Amino acid sequence: MPTIVRILVGCFLIIIVALVGDRNRSLAGIIATMPINIPIILWIAWARSDSDPGSMAELARAMLVGLISTAGFVAVCWYGFGRRWPLAPTLAAGYAIWALVAFGPKLLRWLAARLG
């Protein structure tokens, strides 16, 4: 799929979320988190991996870690906005948790290997 098509689909979804968000916040949240990129990435990776299930399983596992860290990001934003934090500190805290969940375990293993 050409890059321009992916960009246009992304822009279209952002517009839909903005329009729907004025009427139904729950539906806007669901649309905002639709797995649009995941099937595209899996399709591209499948073609490049010569249909190797092992490498696809590794990619899917990495995506799961990404989803968990993204859930942490959203949870912190939910908490922050619920406490009336401003946008910038809320996003900063969300990204900090995202990075900690996404990269923390690997960083700890790396440090343990270096120090141990």
PDB file of N, CA and C in Angstrom:
ATOM      1  N   MET A   1       0.856  -1.168   0.000  1.00  0.00           N
ATOM      2  CA  MET A   1       0.000   0.000   0.000  1.00  0.00           C
ATOM      3  C   MET A   1       0.901   1.230   0.000  1.00  0.00           C
ATOM      4  N   PRO A   2       0.695   2.148  -0.918  1.00  0.00           N
ATOM      5  CA  PRO A   2       1.539   3.346  -0.981  1.00  0.00           C
ATOM      6  C   PRO A   2       1.442   4.168   0.304  1.00  0.00           C
ATOM      7  N   THR A   3       2.534   4.812   0.632  1.00  0.00           N
ATOM      8  CA  THR A   3       2.602   5.621   1.850  1.00  0.00           C
ATOM      9  C   THR A   3       1.545   6.707   1.848  1.00  0.00           C
ATOM     10  N   ILE A   4       1.302   7.310   0.710  1.00  0.00           N
ATOM     11  CA  ILE A   4       0.330   8.405   0.645  1.00  0.00           C
ATOM     12  C   ILE A   4      -1.068   7.918   1.035  1.00  0.00           C
ATOM     13  N   VAL A   5      -1.403   6.685   0.679  1.00  0.00           N
ATOM     14  CA  VAL A   5      -2.714   6.136   1.043  1.00  0.00           C
ATOM     15  C   VAL A   5      -2.810   5.986   2.556  1.00  0.00           C
ATOM     16  N   ARG A   6      -1.743   5.481   3.191  1.00  0.00           N
ATOM     17  CA  ARG A   6      -1.736   5.348   4.651  1.00  0.00           C
ATOM     18  C   ARG A   6      -1.882   6.708   5.317  1.00  0.00           C
ATOM     19  N   ILE A   7      -1.210   7.713   4.777  1.00  0.00           N
ATOM     20  CA  ILE A   7      -1.298   9.066   5.336  1.00  0.00           C
ATOM     21  C   ILE A   7      -2.719   9.606   5.193  1.00  0.00           C
ATOM     22  N   LEU A   8      -3.311   9.406   4.026  1.00  0.00           N
ATOM     23  CA  LEU A   8      -4.678   9.885   3.801  1.00  0.00           C
ATOM     24  C   LEU A   8      -5.682   9.174   4.708  1.00  0.00           C
ATOM     25  N   VAL A   9      -5.514   7.871   4.884  1.00  0.00           N
ATOM     26  CA  VAL A   9      -6.400   7.131   5.789  1.00  0.00           C
ATOM     27  C   VAL A   9      -6.245   7.664   7.206  1.00  0.00           C
ATOM     28  N   GLY A  10      -5.005   7.910   7.628  1.00  0.00           N
ATOM     29  CA  GLY A  10      -4.763   8.466   8.961  1.00  0.00           C
ATOM     30  C   GLY A  10      -5.411   9.827   9.143  1.00  0.00           C
ATOM     31  N   CYS A  11      -5.269  10.696   8.144  1.00  0.00           N
ATOM     32  CA  CYS A  11      -5.902  12.022   8.210  1.00  0.00           C
ATOM     33  C   CYS A  11      -7.421  11.900   8.262  1.00  0.00           C
ATOM     34  N   PHE A  12      -7.966  11.005   7.454  1.00  0.00           N
ATOM     35  CA  PHE A  12      -9.410  10.782   7.450  1.00  0.00           C
ATOM     36  C   PHE A  12      -9.896  10.337   8.829  1.00  0.00           C
ATOM     37  N   LEU A  13      -9.165   9.423   9.452  1.00  0.00           N
ATOM     38  CA  LEU A  13      -9.567   8.944  10.777  1.00  0.00           C
ATOM     39  C   LEU A  13      -9.485  10.046  11.825  1.00  0.00           C
ATOM     40  N   ILE A  14      -8.474  10.893  11.738  1.00  0.00           N
ATOM     41  CA  ILE A  14      -8.357  12.012  12.678  1.00  0.00           C
ATOM     42  C   ILE A  14      -9.550  12.952  12.527  1.00  0.00           C
ATOM     43  N   ILE A  15      -9.943  13.229  11.294  1.00  0.00           N
ATOM     44  CA  ILE A  15     -11.104  14.094  11.050  1.00  0.00           C
ATOM     45  C   ILE A  15     -12.369  13.449  11.604  1.00  0.00           C
ATOM     46  N   ILE A  16     -12.541  12.151  11.365  1.00  0.00           N
ATOM     47  CA  ILE A  16     -13.716  11.441  11.879  1.00  0.00           C
ATOM     48  C   ILE A  16     -13.749  11.502  13.403  1.00  0.00           C
ATOM     49  N   VAL A  17     -12.600  11.253  14.042  1.00  0.00           N
ATOM     50  CA  VAL A  17     -12.547  11.302  15.511  1.00  0.00           C
ATOM     51  C   VAL A  17     -12.916  12.695  16.010  1.00  0.00           C
ATOM     52  N   ALA A  18     -12.411  13.733  15.336  1.00  0.00           N
ATOM     53  CA  ALA A  18     -12.724  15.105  15.750  1.00  0.00           C
ATOM     54  C   ALA A  18     -14.216  15.393  15.616  1.00  0.00           C
ATOM     55  N   LEU A  19     -14.819  14.945  14.526  1.00  0.00           N
ATOM     56  CA  LEU A  19     -16.248  15.184  14.317  1.00  0.00           C
ATOM     57  C   LEU A  19     -17.111  14.368  15.278  1.00  0.00           C
ATOM     58  N   VAL A  20     -16.762  13.102  15.446  1.00  0.00           N
ATOM     59  CA  VAL A  20     -17.534  12.230  16.329  1.00  0.00           C
ATOM     60  C   VAL A  20     -17.336  12.637  17.784  1.00  0.00           C
ATOM     61  N   GLY A  21     -16.140  13.116  18.118  1.00  0.00           N
ATOM     62  CA  GLY A  21     -15.830  13.485  19.491  1.00  0.00           C
ATOM     63  C   GLY A  21     -16.734  14.556  20.050  1.00  0.00           C
ATOM     64  N   ASP A  22     -17.255  15.415  19.190  1.00  0.00           N
ATOM     65  CA  ASP A  22     -18.185  16.443  19.649  1.00  0.00           C
ATOM     66  C   ASP A  22     -19.522  15.845  20.089  1.00  0.00           C
ATOM     67  N   ARG A  23     -19.855  14.675  19.561  1.00  0.00           N
ATOM     68  CA  ARG A  23     -21.152  14.067  19.841  1.00  0.00           C
ATOM     69  C   ARG A  23     -21.060  12.880  20.808  1.00  0.00           C
ATOM     70  N   ASN A  24     -19.988  12.096  20.694  1.00  0.00           N
ATOM     71  CA  ASN A  24     -19.903  10.868  21.483  1.00  0.00           C
ATOM     72  C   ASN A  24     -18.439  10.583  21.817  1.00  0.00           C
ATOM     73  N   ARG A  25     -18.022  10.920  23.020  1.00  0.00           N
ATOM     74  CA  ARG A  25     -16.619  10.742  23.427  1.00  0.00           C
ATOM     75  C   ARG A  25     -16.209   9.274  23.449  1.00  0.00           C
ATOM     76  N   SER A  26     -17.097   8.398  23.858  1.00  0.00           N
ATOM     77  CA  SER A  26     -16.758   6.972  23.912  1.00  0.00           C
ATOM     78  C   SER A  26     -16.467   6.424  22.522  1.00  0.00           C
ATOM     79  N   LEU A  27     -17.319   6.740  21.562  1.00  0.00           N
ATOM     80  CA  LEU A  27     -17.102   6.279  20.193  1.00  0.00           C
ATOM     81  C   LEU A  27     -15.836   6.896  19.617  1.00  0.00           C
ATOM     82  N   ALA A  28     -15.572   8.166  19.920  1.00  0.00           N
ATOM     83  CA  ALA A  28     -14.350   8.816  19.443  1.00  0.00           C
ATOM     84  C   ALA A  28     -13.120   8.102  19.989  1.00  0.00           C
ATOM     85  N   GLY A  29     -13.171   7.694  21.252  1.00  0.00           N
ATOM     86  CA  GLY A  29     -12.050   6.966  21.840  1.00  0.00           C
ATOM     87  C   GLY A  29     -11.824   5.619  21.186  1.00  0.00           C
ATOM     88  N   ILE A  30     -12.908   4.933  20.873  1.00  0.00           N
ATOM     89  CA  ILE A  30     -12.785   3.632  20.205  1.00  0.00           C
ATOM     90  C   ILE A  30     -12.213   3.802  18.805  1.00  0.00           C
ATOM     91  N   ILE A  31     -12.705   4.781  18.062  1.00  0.00           N
ATOM     92  CA  ILE A  31     -12.199   5.025  16.708  1.00  0.00           C
ATOM     93  C   ILE A  31     -10.733   5.443  16.754  1.00  0.00           C
ATOM     94  N   ALA A  32     -10.368   6.250  17.748  1.00  0.00           N
ATOM     95  CA  ALA A  32      -8.985   6.735  17.846  1.00  0.00           C
ATOM     96  C   ALA A  32      -7.993   5.609  18.078  1.00  0.00           C
ATOM     97  N   THR A  33      -8.444   4.501  18.652  1.00  0.00           N
ATOM     98  CA  THR A  33      -7.523   3.406  18.964  1.00  0.00           C
ATOM     99  C   THR A  33      -7.711   2.196  18.055  1.00  0.00           C
ATOM    100  N   MET A  34      -8.369   2.385  16.928  1.00  0.00           N
ATOM    101  CA  MET A  34      -8.543   1.277  15.983  1.00  0.00           C
ATOM    102  C   MET A  34      -7.181   0.784  15.491  1.00  0.00           C
ATOM    103  N   PRO A  35      -7.028  -0.534  15.332  1.00  0.00           N
ATOM    104  CA  PRO A  35      -5.754  -1.070  14.837  1.00  0.00           C
ATOM    105  C   PRO A  35      -5.616  -0.900  13.325  1.00  0.00           C
ATOM    106  N   ILE A  36      -5.257   0.303  12.913  1.00  0.00           N
ATOM    107  CA  ILE A  36      -5.098   0.587  11.485  1.00  0.00           C
ATOM    108  C   ILE A  36      -3.707   0.178  11.003  1.00  0.00           C
ATOM    109  N   ASN A  37      -2.675   0.578  11.722  1.00  0.00           N
ATOM    110  CA  ASN A  37      -1.307   0.299  11.284  1.00  0.00           C
ATOM    111  C   ASN A  37      -0.898  -1.153  11.480  1.00  0.00           C
ATOM    112  N   ILE A  38      -1.470  -1.833  12.456  1.00  0.00           N
ATOM    113  CA  ILE A  38      -1.038  -3.194  12.768  1.00  0.00           C
ATOM    114  C   ILE A  38      -1.183  -4.136  11.571  1.00  0.00           C
ATOM    115  N   PRO A  39      -2.346  -4.224  10.909  1.00  0.00           N
ATOM    116  CA  PRO A  39      -2.431  -5.125   9.756  1.00  0.00           C
ATOM    117  C   PRO A  39      -1.491  -4.734   8.618  1.00  0.00           C
ATOM    118  N   ILE A  40      -1.288  -3.441   8.427  1.00  0.00           N
ATOM    119  CA  ILE A  40      -0.383  -2.995   7.365  1.00  0.00           C
ATOM    120  C   ILE A  40       1.039  -3.441   7.669  1.00  0.00           C
ATOM    121  N   ILE A  41       1.486  -3.227   8.914  1.00  0.00           N
ATOM    122  CA  ILE A  41       2.839  -3.631   9.306  1.00  0.00           C
ATOM    123  C   ILE A  41       2.994  -5.145   9.210  1.00  0.00           C
ATOM    124  N   LEU A  42       1.994  -5.898   9.668  1.00  0.00           N
ATOM    125  CA  LEU A  42       2.075  -7.361   9.583  1.00  0.00           C
ATOM    126  C   LEU A  42       2.143  -7.833   8.133  1.00  0.00           C
ATOM    127  N   TRP A  43       1.388  -7.200   7.273  1.00  0.00           N
ATOM    128  CA  TRP A  43       1.395  -7.564   5.852  1.00  0.00           C
ATOM    129  C   TRP A  43       2.769  -7.310   5.236  1.00  0.00           C
ATOM    130  N   ILE A  44       3.345  -6.131   5.508  1.00  0.00           N
ATOM    131  CA  ILE A  44       4.670  -5.796   4.978  1.00  0.00           C
ATOM    132  C   ILE A  44       5.714  -6.751   5.543  1.00  0.00           C
ATOM    133  N   ALA A  45       5.659  -7.001   6.852  1.00  0.00           N
ATOM    134  CA  ALA A  45       6.634  -7.898   7.483  1.00  0.00           C
ATOM    135  C   ALA A  45       6.495  -9.322   6.956  1.00  0.00           C
ATOM    136  N   TRP A  46       5.271  -9.773   6.733  1.00  0.00           N
ATOM    137  CA  TRP A  46       5.031 -11.117   6.194  1.00  0.00           C
ATOM    138  C   TRP A  46       5.695 -11.260   4.827  1.00  0.00           C
ATOM    139  N   ALA A  47       5.545 -10.253   4.001  1.00  0.00           N
ATOM    140  CA  ALA A  47       6.142 -10.292   2.664  1.00  0.00           C
ATOM    141  C   ALA A  47       7.668 -10.281   2.739  1.00  0.00           C
ATOM    142  N   ARG A  48       8.231  -9.528   3.671  1.00  0.00           N
ATOM    143  CA  ARG A  48       9.692  -9.422   3.787  1.00  0.00           C
ATOM    144  C   ARG A  48      10.319 -10.611   4.503  1.00  0.00           C
ATOM    145  N   SER A  49       9.533 -11.351   5.271  1.00  0.00           N
ATOM    146  CA  SER A  49      10.087 -12.456   6.056  1.00  0.00           C
ATOM    147  C   SER A  49       9.977 -13.793   5.338  1.00  0.00           C
ATOM    148  N   ASP A  50       9.593 -13.777   4.087  1.00  0.00           N
ATOM    149  CA  ASP A  50       9.344 -15.012   3.339  1.00  0.00           C
ATOM    150  C   ASP A  50       8.336 -15.894   4.072  1.00  0.00           C
ATOM    151  N   SER A  51       7.333 -15.260   4.646  1.00  0.00           N
ATOM    152  CA  SER A  51       6.241 -15.942   5.352  1.00  0.00           C
ATOM    153  C   SER A  51       6.738 -16.790   6.518  1.00  0.00           C
ATOM    154  N   ASP A  52       7.769 -16.317   7.227  1.00  0.00           N
ATOM    155  CA  ASP A  52       8.346 -17.046   8.357  1.00  0.00           C
ATOM    156  C   ASP A  52       7.518 -16.808   9.621  1.00  0.00           C
ATOM    157  N   PRO A  53       6.807 -17.832  10.103  1.00  0.00           N
ATOM    158  CA  PRO A  53       5.969 -17.648  11.291  1.00  0.00           C
ATOM    159  C   PRO A  53       6.766 -17.254  12.536  1.00  0.00           C
ATOM    160  N   GLY A  54       8.002 -17.702  12.653  1.00  0.00           N
ATOM    161  CA  GLY A  54       8.813 -17.366  13.821  1.00  0.00           C
ATOM    162  C   GLY A  54       9.082 -15.880  13.934  1.00  0.00           C
ATOM    163  N   SER A  55       9.474 -15.266  12.832  1.00  0.00           N
ATOM    164  CA  SER A  55       9.740 -13.828  12.874  1.00  0.00           C
ATOM    165  C   SER A  55       8.443 -13.041  13.037  1.00  0.00           C
ATOM    166  N   MET A  56       7.353 -13.578  12.498  1.00  0.00           N
ATOM    167  CA  MET A  56       6.063 -12.904  12.662  1.00  0.00           C
ATOM    168  C   MET A  56       5.600 -12.972  14.120  1.00  0.00           C
ATOM    169  N   ALA A  57       5.850 -14.109  14.777  1.00  0.00           N
ATOM    170  CA  ALA A  57       5.489 -14.235  16.192  1.00  0.00           C
ATOM    171  C   ALA A  57       6.291 -13.255  17.033  1.00  0.00           C
ATOM    172  N   GLU A  58       7.569 -13.091  16.703  1.00  0.00           N
ATOM    173  CA  GLU A  58       8.412 -12.133  17.427  1.00  0.00           C
ATOM    174  C   GLU A  58       7.892 -10.706  17.244  1.00  0.00           C
ATOM    175  N   LEU A  59       7.508 -10.363  16.027  1.00  0.00           N
ATOM    176  CA  LEU A  59       6.957  -9.035  15.761  1.00  0.00           C
ATOM    177  C   LEU A  59       5.639  -8.833  16.515  1.00  0.00           C
ATOM    178  N   ALA A  60       4.778  -9.840  16.504  1.00  0.00           N
ATOM    179  CA  ALA A  60       3.497  -9.733  17.211  1.00  0.00           C
ATOM    180  C   ALA A  60       3.716  -9.568  18.713  1.00  0.00           C
ATOM    181  N   ARG A  61       4.719 -10.272  19.273  1.00  0.00           N
ATOM    182  CA  ARG A  61       5.030 -10.118  20.694  1.00  0.00           C
ATOM    183  C   ARG A  61       5.490  -8.702  20.985  1.00  0.00           C
ATOM    184  N   ALA A  62       6.337  -8.158  20.124  1.00  0.00           N
ATOM    185  CA  ALA A  62       6.804  -6.780  20.301  1.00  0.00           C
ATOM    186  C   ALA A  62       5.636  -5.800  20.205  1.00  0.00           C
ATOM    187  N   MET A  63       4.688  -6.088  19.318  1.00  0.00           N
ATOM    188  CA  MET A  63       3.502  -5.232  19.216  1.00  0.00           C
ATOM    189  C   MET A  63       2.679  -5.287  20.496  1.00  0.00           C
ATOM    190  N   LEU A  64       2.616  -6.471  21.111  1.00  0.00           N
ATOM    191  CA  LEU A  64       1.882  -6.598  22.367  1.00  0.00           C
ATOM    192  C   LEU A  64       2.518  -5.736  23.456  1.00  0.00           C
ATOM    193  N   VAL A  65       3.844  -5.726  23.528  1.00  0.00           N
ATOM    194  CA  VAL A  65       4.536  -4.846  24.479  1.00  0.00           C
ATOM    195  C   VAL A  65       4.180  -3.390  24.176  1.00  0.00           C
ATOM    196  N   GLY A  66       4.139  -3.044  22.892  1.00  0.00           N
ATOM    197  CA  GLY A  66       3.759  -1.690  22.506  1.00  0.00           C
ATOM    198  C   GLY A  66       2.339  -1.344  22.922  1.00  0.00           C
ATOM    199  N   LEU A  67       1.432  -2.306  22.795  1.00  0.00           N
ATOM    200  CA  LEU A  67       0.046  -2.063  23.211  1.00  0.00           C
ATOM    201  C   LEU A  67      -0.056  -1.876  24.721  1.00  0.00           C
ATOM    202  N   ILE A  68       0.694  -2.671  25.470  1.00  0.00           N
ATOM    203  CA  ILE A  68       0.668  -2.548  26.931  1.00  0.00           C
ATOM    204  C   ILE A  68       1.228  -1.196  27.354  1.00  0.00           C
ATOM    205  N   SER A  69       2.327  -0.779  26.727  1.00  0.00           N
ATOM    206  CA  SER A  69       2.895   0.524  27.078  1.00  0.00           C
ATOM    207  C   SER A  69       1.958   1.660  26.659  1.00  0.00           C
ATOM    208  N   THR A  70       1.272   1.498  25.545  1.00  0.00           N
ATOM    209  CA  THR A  70       0.295   2.502  25.124  1.00  0.00           C
ATOM    210  C   THR A  70      -0.883   2.548  26.096  1.00  0.00           C
ATOM    211  N   ALA A  71      -1.292   1.397  26.598  1.00  0.00           N
ATOM    212  CA  ALA A  71      -2.356   1.374  27.611  1.00  0.00           C
ATOM    213  C   ALA A  71      -1.906   2.128  28.860  1.00  0.00           C
ATOM    214  N   GLY A  72      -0.630   1.991  29.224  1.00  0.00           N
ATOM    215  CA  GLY A  72      -0.099   2.757  30.351  1.00  0.00           C
ATOM    216  C   GLY A  72      -0.150   4.247  30.085  1.00  0.00           C
ATOM    217  N   PHE A  73       0.196   4.642  28.871  1.00  0.00           N
ATOM    218  CA  PHE A  73       0.132   6.048  28.473  1.00  0.00           C
ATOM    219  C   PHE A  73      -1.293   6.581  28.630  1.00  0.00           C
ATOM    220  N   VAL A  74      -2.255   5.838  28.098  1.00  0.00           N
ATOM    221  CA  VAL A  74      -3.652   6.271  28.157  1.00  0.00           C
ATOM    222  C   VAL A  74      -4.136   6.323  29.607  1.00  0.00           C
ATOM    223  N   ALA A  75      -3.743   5.345  30.412  1.00  0.00           N
ATOM    224  CA  ALA A  75      -4.162   5.327  31.818  1.00  0.00           C
ATOM    225  C   ALA A  75      -3.633   6.550  32.568  1.00  0.00           C
ATOM    226  N   VAL A  76      -2.382   6.921  32.307  1.00  0.00           N
ATOM    227  CA  VAL A  76      -1.816   8.105  32.966  1.00  0.00           C
ATOM    228  C   VAL A  76      -2.529   9.368  32.486  1.00  0.00           C
ATOM    229  N   CYS A  77      -2.835   9.444  31.201  1.00  0.00           N
ATOM    230  CA  CYS A  77      -3.585  10.604  30.693  1.00  0.00           C
ATOM    231  C   CYS A  77      -4.967  10.669  31.332  1.00  0.00           C
ATOM    232  N   TRP A  78      -5.627   9.550  31.448  1.00  0.00           N
ATOM    233  CA  TRP A  78      -6.939   9.493  32.094  1.00  0.00           C
ATOM    234  C   TRP A  78      -6.832   9.994  33.532  1.00  0.00           C
ATOM    235  N   TYR A  79      -5.812   9.501  34.239  1.00  0.00           N
ATOM    236  CA  TYR A  79      -5.593   9.933  35.619  1.00  0.00           C
ATOM    237  C   TYR A  79      -5.308  11.436  35.683  1.00  0.00           C
ATOM    238  N   GLY A  80      -4.375  11.898  34.845  1.00  0.00           N
ATOM    239  CA  GLY A  80      -3.984  13.307  34.867  1.00  0.00           C
ATOM    240  C   GLY A  80      -5.123  14.251  34.531  1.00  0.00           C
ATOM    241  N   PHE A  81      -5.847  13.942  33.481  1.00  0.00           N
ATOM    242  CA  PHE A  81      -6.966  14.811  33.111  1.00  0.00           C
ATOM    243  C   PHE A  81      -8.068  14.757  34.161  1.00  0.00           C
ATOM    244  N   GLY A  82      -8.233  13.595  34.797  1.00  0.00           N
ATOM    245  CA  GLY A  82      -9.208  13.481  35.880  1.00  0.00           C
ATOM    246  C   GLY A  82      -8.838  14.338  37.085  1.00  0.00           C
ATOM    247  N   ARG A  83      -7.532  14.611  37.227  1.00  0.00           N
ATOM    248  CA  ARG A  83      -7.045  15.465  38.316  1.00  0.00           C
ATOM    249  C   ARG A  83      -6.869  16.909  37.857  1.00  0.00           C
ATOM    250  N   ARG A  84      -7.320  17.189  36.642  1.00  0.00           N
ATOM    251  CA  ARG A  84      -7.271  18.534  36.050  1.00  0.00           C
ATOM    252  C   ARG A  84      -5.843  19.023  35.807  1.00  0.00           C
ATOM    253  N   TRP A  85      -4.933  18.090  35.483  1.00  0.00           N
ATOM    254  CA  TRP A  85      -3.581  18.497  35.106  1.00  0.00           C
ATOM    255  C   TRP A  85      -3.651  19.203  33.755  1.00  0.00           C
ATOM    256  N   PRO A  86      -2.739  20.143  33.497  1.00  0.00           N
ATOM    257  CA  PRO A  86      -2.655  20.746  32.159  1.00  0.00           C
ATOM    258  C   PRO A  86      -2.197  19.706  31.122  1.00  0.00           C
ATOM    259  N   LEU A  87      -2.387  20.036  29.867  1.00  0.00           N
ATOM    260  CA  LEU A  87      -2.079  19.104  28.781  1.00  0.00           C
ATOM    261  C   LEU A  87      -0.618  18.666  28.770  1.00  0.00           C
ATOM    262  N   ALA A  88       0.318  19.622  28.783  1.00  0.00           N
ATOM    263  CA  ALA A  88       1.739  19.276  28.642  1.00  0.00           C
ATOM    264  C   ALA A  88       2.232  18.340  29.751  1.00  0.00           C
ATOM    265  N   PRO A  89       1.982  18.630  31.032  1.00  0.00           N
ATOM    266  CA  PRO A  89       2.433  17.692  32.064  1.00  0.00           C
ATOM    267  C   PRO A  89       1.753  16.321  31.972  1.00  0.00           C
ATOM    268  N   THR A  90       0.500  16.314  31.554  1.00  0.00           N
ATOM    269  CA  THR A  90      -0.208  15.040  31.413  1.00  0.00           C
ATOM    270  C   THR A  90       0.441  14.196  30.326  1.00  0.00           C
ATOM    271  N   LEU A  91       0.707  14.813  29.174  1.00  0.00           N
ATOM    272  CA  LEU A  91       1.351  14.075  28.084  1.00  0.00           C
ATOM    273  C   LEU A  91       2.763  13.650  28.463  1.00  0.00           C
ATOM    274  N   ALA A  92       3.499  14.518  29.150  1.00  0.00           N
ATOM    275  CA  ALA A  92       4.865  14.176  29.573  1.00  0.00           C
ATOM    276  C   ALA A  92       4.850  12.970  30.513  1.00  0.00           C
ATOM    277  N   ALA A  93       3.939  12.969  31.467  1.00  0.00           N
ATOM    278  CA  ALA A  93       3.835  11.830  32.385  1.00  0.00           C
ATOM    279  C   ALA A  93       3.420  10.568  31.631  1.00  0.00           C
ATOM    280  N   GLY A  94       2.503  10.712  30.680  1.00  0.00           N
ATOM    281  CA  GLY A  94       2.075   9.571  29.877  1.00  0.00           C
ATOM    282  C   GLY A  94       3.218   8.983  29.077  1.00  0.00           C
ATOM    283  N   TYR A  95       4.008   9.839  28.441  1.00  0.00           N
ATOM    284  CA  TYR A  95       5.150   9.344  27.667  1.00  0.00           C
ATOM    285  C   TYR A  95       6.219   8.736  28.563  1.00  0.00           C
ATOM    286  N   ALA A  96       6.385   9.271  29.770  1.00  0.00           N
ATOM    287  CA  ALA A  96       7.359   8.694  30.699  1.00  0.00           C
ATOM    288  C   ALA A  96       6.963   7.262  31.061  1.00  0.00           C
ATOM    289  N   ILE A  97       5.688   7.051  31.353  1.00  0.00           N
ATOM    290  CA  ILE A  97       5.215   5.697  31.667  1.00  0.00           C
ATOM    291  C   ILE A  97       5.318   4.803  30.440  1.00  0.00           C
ATOM    292  N   TRP A  98       4.970   5.337  29.282  1.00  0.00           N
ATOM    293  CA  TRP A  98       5.076   4.559  28.045  1.00  0.00           C
ATOM    294  C   TRP A  98       6.509   4.066  27.852  1.00  0.00           C
ATOM    295  N   ALA A  99       7.477   4.965  27.988  1.00  0.00           N
ATOM    296  CA  ALA A  99       8.883   4.593  27.801  1.00  0.00           C
ATOM    297  C   ALA A  99       9.336   3.597  28.861  1.00  0.00           C
ATOM    298  N   LEU A 100       8.907   3.798  30.092  1.00  0.00           N
ATOM    299  CA  LEU A 100       9.282   2.895  31.178  1.00  0.00           C
ATOM    300  C   LEU A 100       8.768   1.480  30.916  1.00  0.00           C
ATOM    301  N   VAL A 101       7.521   1.369  30.496  1.00  0.00           N
ATOM    302  CA  VAL A 101       6.948   0.048  30.227  1.00  0.00           C
ATOM    303  C   VAL A 101       7.563  -0.560  28.965  1.00  0.00           C
ATOM    304  N   ALA A 102       7.752   0.254  27.927  1.00  0.00           N
ATOM    305  CA  ALA A 102       8.258  -0.264  26.654  1.00  0.00           C
ATOM    306  C   ALA A 102       9.729  -0.656  26.729  1.00  0.00           C
ATOM    307  N   PHE A 103      10.543   0.166  27.377  1.00  0.00           N
ATOM    308  CA  PHE A 103      11.989  -0.050  27.348  1.00  0.00           C
ATOM    309  C   PHE A 103      12.593  -0.436  28.690  1.00  0.00           C
ATOM    310  N   GLY A 104      11.849  -0.261  29.780  1.00  0.00           N
ATOM    311  CA  GLY A 104      12.376  -0.540  31.109  1.00  0.00           C
ATOM    312  C   GLY A 104      12.887  -1.957  31.300  1.00  0.00           C
ATOM    313  N   PRO A 105      12.096  -2.982  30.977  1.00  0.00           N
ATOM    314  CA  PRO A 105      12.581  -4.351  31.183  1.00  0.00           C
ATOM    315  C   PRO A 105      13.851  -4.666  30.391  1.00  0.00           C
ATOM    316  N   LYS A 106      13.909  -4.214  29.163  1.00  0.00           N
ATOM    317  CA  LYS A 106      15.101  -4.476  28.352  1.00  0.00           C
ATOM    318  C   LYS A 106      16.306  -3.725  28.909  1.00  0.00           C
ATOM    319  N   LEU A 107      16.087  -2.500  29.363  1.00  0.00           N
ATOM    320  CA  LEU A 107      17.161  -1.716  29.964  1.00  0.00           C
ATOM    321  C   LEU A 107      17.665  -2.380  31.241  1.00  0.00           C
ATOM    322  N   LEU A 108      16.759  -2.889  32.061  1.00  0.00           N
ATOM    323  CA  LEU A 108      17.169  -3.584  33.286  1.00  0.00           C
ATOM    324  C   LEU A 108      17.976  -4.840  32.978  1.00  0.00           C
ATOM    325  N   ARG A 109      17.567  -5.614  31.968  1.00  0.00           N
ATOM    326  CA  ARG A 109      18.336  -6.804  31.579  1.00  0.00           C
ATOM    327  C   ARG A 109      19.716  -6.412  31.078  1.00  0.00           C
ATOM    328  N   TRP A 110      19.788  -5.341  30.310  1.00  0.00           N
ATOM    329  CA  TRP A 110      21.066  -4.866  29.784  1.00  0.00           C
ATOM    330  C   TRP A 110      21.981  -4.427  30.928  1.00  0.00           C
ATOM    331  N   LEU A 111      21.424  -3.668  31.880  1.00  0.00           N
ATOM    332  CA  LEU A 111      22.213  -3.224  33.029  1.00  0.00           C
ATOM    333  C   LEU A 111      22.671  -4.407  33.872  1.00  0.00           C
ATOM    334  N   ALA A 112      21.803  -5.379  34.080  1.00  0.00           N
ATOM    335  CA  ALA A 112      22.172  -6.561  34.861  1.00  0.00           C
ATOM    336  C   ALA A 112      23.301  -7.328  34.186  1.00  0.00           C
ATOM    337  N   ALA A 113      23.264  -7.419  32.864  1.00  0.00           N
ATOM    338  CA  ALA A 113      24.328  -8.117  32.136  1.00  0.00           C
ATOM    339  C   ALA A 113      25.645  -7.356  32.229  1.00  0.00           C
ATOM    340  N   ARG A 114      25.581  -6.033  32.189  1.00  0.00           N
ATOM    341  CA  ARG A 114      26.796  -5.211  32.267  1.00  0.00           C
ATOM    342  C   ARG A 114      27.400  -5.218  33.662  1.00  0.00           C
ATOM    343  N   LEU A 115      26.533  -5.185  34.664  1.00  0.00           N
ATOM    344  CA  LEU A 115      27.006  -5.081  36.046  1.00  0.00           C
ATOM    345  C   LEU A 115      27.249  -6.443  36.691  1.00  0.00           C
ATOM    346  N   GLY A 116      26.627  -7.474  36.126  1.00  0.00           N
ATOM    347  CA  GLY A 116      26.718  -8.794  36.767  1.00  0.00           C
ATOM    348  C   GLY A 116      27.707  -9.643  36.141  1.00  0.00           C
TER     349      GLY A 116
END
